[in-house]
PDB file of N, CA and C in Angstrom:
ATOM      1  N   MET A   1      17.394 -32.068  84.258  1.00  0.00           N
ATOM      2  CA  MET A   1      17.564 -33.150  83.311  1.00  0.00           C
ATOM      3  C   MET A   1      16.775 -32.820  82.043  1.00  0.00           C
ATOM      4  N   ILE A   2      17.446 -32.890  80.934  1.00  0.00           N
ATOM      5  CA  ILE A   2      16.831 -32.657  79.625  1.00  0.00           C
ATOM      6  C   ILE A   2      17.001 -33.930  78.819  1.00  0.00           C
ATOM      7  N   PHE A   3      15.887 -34.544  78.435  1.00  0.00           N
ATOM      8  CA  PHE A   3      15.896 -35.794  77.673  1.00  0.00           C
ATOM      9  C   PHE A   3      16.714 -36.879  78.369  1.00  0.00           C
ATOM     10  N   GLY A   4      16.752 -36.861  79.688  1.00  0.00           N
ATOM     11  CA  GLY A   4      17.464 -37.872  80.440  1.00  0.00           C
ATOM     12  C   GLY A   4      18.949 -37.613  80.611  1.00  0.00           C
ATOM     13  N   PHE A   5      19.438 -36.466  80.182  1.00  0.00           N
ATOM     14  CA  PHE A   5      20.856 -36.124  80.320  1.00  0.00           C
ATOM     15  C   PHE A   5      21.004 -34.941  81.263  1.00  0.00           C
ATOM     16  N   THR A   6      22.092 -34.923  82.006  1.00  0.00           N
ATOM     17  CA  THR A   6      22.359 -33.796  82.883  1.00  0.00           C
ATOM     18  C   THR A   6      22.997 -32.666  82.073  1.00  0.00           C
ATOM     19  N   GLU A   7      23.022 -31.498  82.676  1.00  0.00           N
ATOM     20  CA  GLU A   7      23.625 -30.349  82.001  1.00  0.00           C
ATOM     21  C   GLU A   7      25.118 -30.575  81.750  1.00  0.00           C
ATOM     22  N   ALA A   8      25.787 -31.231  82.674  1.00  0.00           N
ATOM     23  CA  ALA A   8      27.216 -31.514  82.515  1.00  0.00           C
ATOM     24  C   ALA A   8      27.467 -32.465  81.344  1.00  0.00           C
ATOM     25  N   GLN A   9      26.605 -33.455  81.172  1.00  0.00           N
ATOM     26  CA  GLN A   9      26.765 -34.391  80.054  1.00  0.00           C
ATOM     27  C   GLN A   9      26.539 -33.687  78.719  1.00  0.00           C
ATOM     28  N   ILE A  10      25.524 -32.832  78.656  1.00  0.00           N
ATOM     29  CA  ILE A  10      25.223 -32.110  77.416  1.00  0.00           C
ATOM     30  C   ILE A  10      26.356 -31.163  77.061  1.00  0.00           C
ATOM     31  N   SER A  11      26.841 -30.396  78.044  1.00  0.00           N
ATOM     32  CA  SER A  11      27.920 -29.458  77.733  1.00  0.00           C
ATOM     33  C   SER A  11      29.213 -30.187  77.386  1.00  0.00           C
ATOM     34  N   GLY A  12      29.487 -31.307  78.023  1.00  0.00           N
ATOM     35  CA  GLY A  12      30.679 -32.080  77.672  1.00  0.00           C
ATOM     36  C   GLY A  12      30.610 -32.605  76.254  1.00  0.00           C
ATOM     37  N   PHE A  13      29.433 -33.067  75.849  1.00  0.00           N
ATOM     38  CA  PHE A  13      29.249 -33.563  74.486  1.00  0.00           C
ATOM     39  C   PHE A  13      29.480 -32.458  73.464  1.00  0.00           C
ATOM     40  N   PHE A  14      28.846 -31.305  73.668  1.00  0.00           N
ATOM     41  CA  PHE A  14      28.959 -30.234  72.683  1.00  0.00           C
ATOM     42  C   PHE A  14      30.324 -29.556  72.707  1.00  0.00           C
ATOM     43  N   LEU A  15      30.999 -29.554  73.862  1.00  0.00           N
ATOM     44  CA  LEU A  15      32.344 -28.997  73.890  1.00  0.00           C
ATOM     45  C   LEU A  15      33.324 -29.883  73.133  1.00  0.00           C
ATOM     46  N   THR A  16      33.043 -31.175  73.091  1.00  0.00           N
ATOM     47  CA  THR A  16      33.926 -32.085  72.364  1.00  0.00           C
ATOM     48  C   THR A  16      33.532 -32.185  70.899  1.00  0.00           C
ATOM     49  N   TYR A  17      32.305 -32.619  70.635  1.00  0.00           N
ATOM     50  CA  TYR A  17      31.893 -32.885  69.263  1.00  0.00           C
ATOM     51  C   TYR A  17      31.361 -31.644  68.552  1.00  0.00           C
ATOM     52  N   GLY A  18      30.696 -30.764  69.265  1.00  0.00           N
ATOM     53  CA  GLY A  18      30.157 -29.553  68.647  1.00  0.00           C
ATOM     54  C   GLY A  18      31.260 -28.620  68.171  1.00  0.00           C
ATOM     55  N   VAL A  19      32.246 -28.395  69.027  1.00  0.00           N
ATOM     56  CA  VAL A  19      33.361 -27.537  68.641  1.00  0.00           C
ATOM     57  C   VAL A  19      34.203 -28.215  67.567  1.00  0.00           C
ATOM     58  N   GLY A  20      34.345 -29.535  67.647  1.00  0.00           N
ATOM     59  CA  GLY A  20      35.068 -30.264  66.594  1.00  0.00           C
ATOM     60  C   GLY A  20      34.389 -30.125  65.240  1.00  0.00           C
ATOM     61  N   ALA A  21      33.061 -30.223  65.224  1.00  0.00           N
ATOM     62  CA  ALA A  21      32.320 -30.041  63.971  1.00  0.00           C
ATOM     63  C   ALA A  21      32.452 -28.602  63.477  1.00  0.00           C
ATOM     64  N   PHE A  22      32.442 -27.651  64.392  1.00  0.00           N
ATOM     65  CA  PHE A  22      32.618 -26.250  64.018  1.00  0.00           C
ATOM     66  C   PHE A  22      34.000 -26.016  63.410  1.00  0.00           C
ATOM     67  N   ILE A  23      35.019 -26.668  63.945  1.00  0.00           N
ATOM     68  CA  ILE A  23      36.372 -26.539  63.396  1.00  0.00           C
ATOM     69  C   ILE A  23      36.414 -27.081  61.971  1.00  0.00           C
ATOM     70  N   LEU A  24      35.782 -28.234  61.733  1.00  0.00           N
ATOM     71  CA  LEU A  24      35.749 -28.782  60.371  1.00  0.00           C
ATOM     72  C   LEU A  24      35.032 -27.837  59.419  1.00  0.00           C
ATOM     73  N   TYR A  25      33.947 -27.231  59.880  1.00  0.00           N
ATOM     74  CA  TYR A  25      33.218 -26.275  59.047  1.00  0.00           C
ATOM     75  C   TYR A  25      34.076 -25.046  58.755  1.00  0.00           C
ATOM     76  N   MET A  26      34.817 -24.576  59.746  1.00  0.00           N
ATOM     77  CA  MET A  26      35.694 -23.427  59.535  1.00  0.00           C
ATOM     78  C   MET A  26      36.819 -23.764  58.552  1.00  0.00           C
ATOM     79  N   LEU A  27      37.328 -24.993  58.600  1.00  0.00           N
ATOM     80  CA  LEU A  27      38.349 -25.400  57.623  1.00  0.00           C
ATOM     81  C   LEU A  27      37.763 -25.385  56.212  1.00  0.00           C
ATOM     82  N   PHE A  28      36.517 -25.812  56.075  1.00  0.00           N
ATOM     83  CA  PHE A  28      35.837 -25.738  54.783  1.00  0.00           C
ATOM     84  C   PHE A  28      35.720 -24.294  54.313  1.00  0.00           C
ATOM     85  N   ILE A  29      35.361 -23.382  55.196  1.00  0.00           N
ATOM     86  CA  ILE A  29      35.231 -21.968  54.836  1.00  0.00           C
ATOM     87  C   ILE A  29      36.574 -21.390  54.421  1.00  0.00           C
ATOM     88  N   ILE A  30      37.647 -21.720  55.142  1.00  0.00           N
ATOM     89  CA  ILE A  30      38.978 -21.226  54.788  1.00  0.00           C
ATOM     90  C   ILE A  30      39.379 -21.768  53.422  1.00  0.00           C
ATOM     91  N   GLY A  31      39.078 -23.034  53.148  1.00  0.00           N
ATOM     92  CA  GLY A  31      39.369 -23.610  51.838  1.00  0.00           C
ATOM     93  C   GLY A  31      38.601 -22.919  50.729  1.00  0.00           C
ATOM     94  N   GLN A  32      37.335 -22.596  50.981  1.00  0.00           N
ATOM     95  CA  GLN A  32      36.537 -21.859  49.994  1.00  0.00           C
ATOM     96  C   GLN A  32      37.115 -20.476  49.742  1.00  0.00           C
ATOM     97  N   LEU A  33      37.559 -19.791  50.792  1.00  0.00           N
ATOM     98  CA  LEU A  33      38.186 -18.473  50.627  1.00  0.00           C
ATOM     99  C   LEU A  33      39.431 -18.577  49.753  1.00  0.00           C
ATOM    100  N   ALA A  34      40.237 -19.591  49.992  1.00  0.00           N
ATOM    101  CA  ALA A  34      41.458 -19.781  49.206  1.00  0.00           C
ATOM    102  C   ALA A  34      41.114 -20.103  47.755  1.00  0.00           C
ATOM    103  N   TRP A  35      40.101 -20.928  47.544  1.00  0.00           N
ATOM    104  CA  TRP A  35      39.704 -21.316  46.193  1.00  0.00           C
ATOM    105  C   TRP A  35      39.145 -20.125  45.412  1.00  0.00           C
ATOM    106  N   GLU A  36      38.229 -19.379  46.015  1.00  0.00           N
ATOM    107  CA  GLU A  36      37.578 -18.271  45.320  1.00  0.00           C
ATOM    108  C   GLU A  36      38.525 -17.103  45.071  1.00  0.00           C
ATOM    109  N   SER A  37      39.515 -16.926  45.930  1.00  0.00           N
ATOM    110  CA  SER A  37      40.457 -15.824  45.737  1.00  0.00           C
ATOM    111  C   SER A  37      41.638 -16.224  44.858  1.00  0.00           C
ATOM    112  N   LYS A  38      41.678 -17.504  44.434  1.00  0.00           N
ATOM    113  CA  LYS A  38      42.790 -18.016  43.624  1.00  0.00           C
ATOM    114  C   LYS A  38      44.128 -17.690  44.297  1.00  0.00           C
ATOM    115  N   ALA A  39      44.233 -18.086  45.559  1.00  0.00           N
ATOM    116  CA  ALA A  39      45.370 -17.705  46.389  1.00  0.00           C
ATOM    117  C   ALA A  39      46.659 -18.432  46.016  1.00  0.00           C
ATOM    118  N   GLY A  40      46.590 -19.554  45.378  1.00  0.00           N
ATOM    119  CA  GLY A  40      47.798 -20.312  45.080  1.00  0.00           C
ATOM    120  C   GLY A  40      48.229 -21.125  46.285  1.00  0.00           C
ATOM    121  N   ARG A  41      49.332 -21.830  46.148  1.00  0.00           N
ATOM    122  CA  ARG A  41      49.772 -22.710  47.237  1.00  0.00           C
ATOM    123  C   ARG A  41      50.212 -21.924  48.461  1.00  0.00           C
ATOM    124  N   PHE A  42      51.050 -20.918  48.245  1.00  0.00           N
ATOM    125  CA  PHE A  42      51.554 -20.157  49.386  1.00  0.00           C
ATOM    126  C   PHE A  42      50.439 -19.353  50.049  1.00  0.00           C
ATOM    127  N   GLY A  43      49.573 -18.752  49.261  1.00  0.00           N
ATOM    128  CA  GLY A  43      48.455 -17.995  49.817  1.00  0.00           C
ATOM    129  C   GLY A  43      47.508 -18.878  50.597  1.00  0.00           C
ATOM    130  N   THR A  44      47.264 -20.079  50.095  1.00  0.00           N
ATOM    131  CA  THR A  44      46.412 -21.025  50.811  1.00  0.00           C
ATOM    132  C   THR A  44      47.061 -21.432  52.126  1.00  0.00           C
ATOM    133  N   PHE A  45      48.364 -21.663  52.094  1.00  0.00           N
ATOM    134  CA  PHE A  45      49.091 -21.990  53.325  1.00  0.00           C
ATOM    135  C   PHE A  45      48.975 -20.861  54.336  1.00  0.00           C
ATOM    136  N   VAL A  46      49.142 -19.633  53.891  1.00  0.00           N
ATOM    137  CA  VAL A  46      49.059 -18.488  54.795  1.00  0.00           C
ATOM    138  C   VAL A  46      47.645 -18.350  55.363  1.00  0.00           C
ATOM    139  N   LEU A  47      46.623 -18.567  54.534  1.00  0.00           N
ATOM    140  CA  LEU A  47      45.244 -18.511  55.027  1.00  0.00           C
ATOM    141  C   LEU A  47      45.003 -19.568  56.102  1.00  0.00           C
ATOM    142  N   PHE A  48      45.401 -20.799  55.833  1.00  0.00           N
ATOM    143  CA  PHE A  48      45.192 -21.848  56.817  1.00  0.00           C
ATOM    144  C   PHE A  48      46.028 -21.612  58.069  1.00  0.00           C
ATOM    145  N   LEU A  49      47.239 -21.089  57.908  1.00  0.00           N
ATOM    146  CA  LEU A  49      48.082 -20.822  59.074  1.00  0.00           C
ATOM    147  C   LEU A  49      47.505 -19.689  59.910  1.00  0.00           C
ATOM    148  N   GLY A  50      47.149 -18.599  59.264  1.00  0.00           N
ATOM    149  CA  GLY A  50      46.664 -17.434  60.002  1.00  0.00           C
ATOM    150  C   GLY A  50      45.297 -17.632  60.611  1.00  0.00           C
ATOM    151  N   LEU A  51      44.379 -18.231  59.866  1.00  0.00           N
ATOM    152  CA  LEU A  51      43.019 -18.383  60.357  1.00  0.00           C
ATOM    153  C   LEU A  51      42.820 -19.660  61.160  1.00  0.00           C
ATOM    154  N   GLY A  52      43.673 -20.627  60.958  1.00  0.00           N
ATOM    155  CA  GLY A  52      43.498 -21.903  61.627  1.00  0.00           C
ATOM    156  C   GLY A  52      44.381 -22.122  62.838  1.00  0.00           C
ATOM    157  N   VAL A  53      45.169 -21.132  63.228  1.00  0.00           N
ATOM    158  CA  VAL A  53      46.094 -21.328  64.344  1.00  0.00           C
ATOM    159  C   VAL A  53      45.346 -21.494  65.670  1.00  0.00           C
ATOM    160  N   GLY A  54      44.147 -20.969  65.789  1.00  0.00           N
ATOM    161  CA  GLY A  54      43.364 -21.127  67.007  1.00  0.00           C
ATOM    162  C   GLY A  54      42.915 -22.552  67.246  1.00  0.00           C
ATOM    163  N   PHE A  55      42.810 -23.332  66.181  1.00  0.00           N
ATOM    164  CA  PHE A  55      42.400 -24.729  66.311  1.00  0.00           C
ATOM    165  C   PHE A  55      43.448 -25.540  67.060  1.00  0.00           C
ATOM    166  N   VAL A  56      44.697 -25.137  66.933  1.00  0.00           N
ATOM    167  CA  VAL A  56      45.781 -25.877  67.578  1.00  0.00           C
ATOM    168  C   VAL A  56      45.600 -25.851  69.091  1.00  0.00           C
ATOM    169  N   GLY A  57      45.150 -24.722  69.624  1.00  0.00           N
ATOM    170  CA  GLY A  57      44.916 -24.621  71.060  1.00  0.00           C
ATOM    171  C   GLY A  57      43.841 -25.570  71.533  1.00  0.00           C
ATOM    172  N   PHE A  58      42.764 -25.669  70.771  1.00  0.00           N
ATOM    173  CA  PHE A  58      41.683 -26.588  71.144  1.00  0.00           C
ATOM    174  C   PHE A  58      42.154 -28.029  71.067  1.00  0.00           C
ATOM    175  N   LEU A  59      42.881 -28.370  70.023  1.00  0.00           N
ATOM    176  CA  LEU A  59      43.382 -29.740  69.892  1.00  0.00           C
ATOM    177  C   LEU A  59      44.415 -30.055  70.969  1.00  0.00           C
ATOM    178  N   ALA A  60      45.241 -29.071  71.325  1.00  0.00           N
ATOM    179  CA  ALA A  60      46.224 -29.280  72.393  1.00  0.00           C
ATOM    180  C   ALA A  60      45.517 -29.519  73.723  1.00  0.00           C
ATOM    181  N   LYS A  61      44.412 -28.816  73.953  1.00  0.00           N
ATOM    182  CA  LYS A  61      43.637 -29.013  75.182  1.00  0.00           C
ATOM    183  C   LYS A  61      43.133 -30.444  75.283  1.00  0.00           C
ATOM    184  N   ILE A  62      42.636 -30.990  74.179  1.00  0.00           N
ATOM    185  CA  ILE A  62      42.145 -32.369  74.179  1.00  0.00           C
ATOM    186  C   ILE A  62      43.285 -33.340  74.470  1.00  0.00           C
ATOM    187  N   VAL A  63      44.432 -33.137  73.846  1.00  0.00           N
ATOM    188  CA  VAL A  63      45.578 -34.034  74.046  1.00  0.00           C
ATOM    189  C   VAL A  63      46.083 -33.939  75.482  1.00  0.00           C
ATOM    190  N   ILE A  64      46.161 -32.720  76.032  1.00  0.00           N
ATOM    191  CA  ILE A  64      46.643 -32.550  77.407  1.00  0.00           C
ATOM    192  C   ILE A  64      45.680 -33.197  78.395  1.00  0.00           C
ATOM    193  N   GLN A  65      44.375 -33.045  78.187  1.00  0.00           N
ATOM    194  CA  GLN A  65      43.396 -33.697  79.062  1.00  0.00           C
ATOM    195  C   GLN A  65      43.533 -35.213  78.994  1.00  0.00           C
ATOM    196  N   TRP A  66      43.680 -35.736  77.788  1.00  0.00           N
ATOM    197  CA  TRP A  66      43.836 -37.181  77.632  1.00  0.00           C
ATOM    198  C   TRP A  66      45.095 -37.650  78.356  1.00  0.00           C
ATOM    199  N   TRP A  67      46.199 -36.906  78.191  1.00  0.00           N
ATOM    200  CA  TRP A  67      47.459 -37.287  78.793  1.00  0.00           C
ATOM    201  C   TRP A  67      47.372 -37.280  80.319  1.00  0.00           C
ATOM    202  N   MET A  68      46.687 -36.289  80.897  1.00  0.00           N
ATOM    203  CA  MET A  68      46.620 -36.190  82.355  1.00  0.00           C
ATOM    204  C   MET A  68      45.645 -37.194  82.965  1.00  0.00           C
ATOM    205  N   GLU A  69      44.659 -37.660  82.202  1.00  0.00           N
ATOM    206  CA  GLU A  69      43.687 -38.616  82.715  1.00  0.00           C
ATOM    207  C   GLU A  69      44.122 -40.071  82.584  1.00  0.00           C
ATOM    208  N   ARG A  70      45.212 -40.320  81.874  1.00  0.00           N
ATOM    209  CA  ARG A  70      45.663 -41.709  81.709  1.00  0.00           C
ATOM    210  C   ARG A  70      46.150 -42.299  82.990  1.00  0.00           C
TER     211      ARG A  70
END
């Protein structure tokens, strides 16, 4: 027990909110890359599509878990 929480509670919290915060930070970084490189609309779309496609898997996992637990 750390600060009154079990290891399972801590890992569940960080797997949900920690990874979610990391995804938001990565979206900010991708936006900065597009801005600094003057990528334009299509280039920005390609950057977000190519670098952000991994986020879809994490979001799908959350939706599938929610759907199966209902």
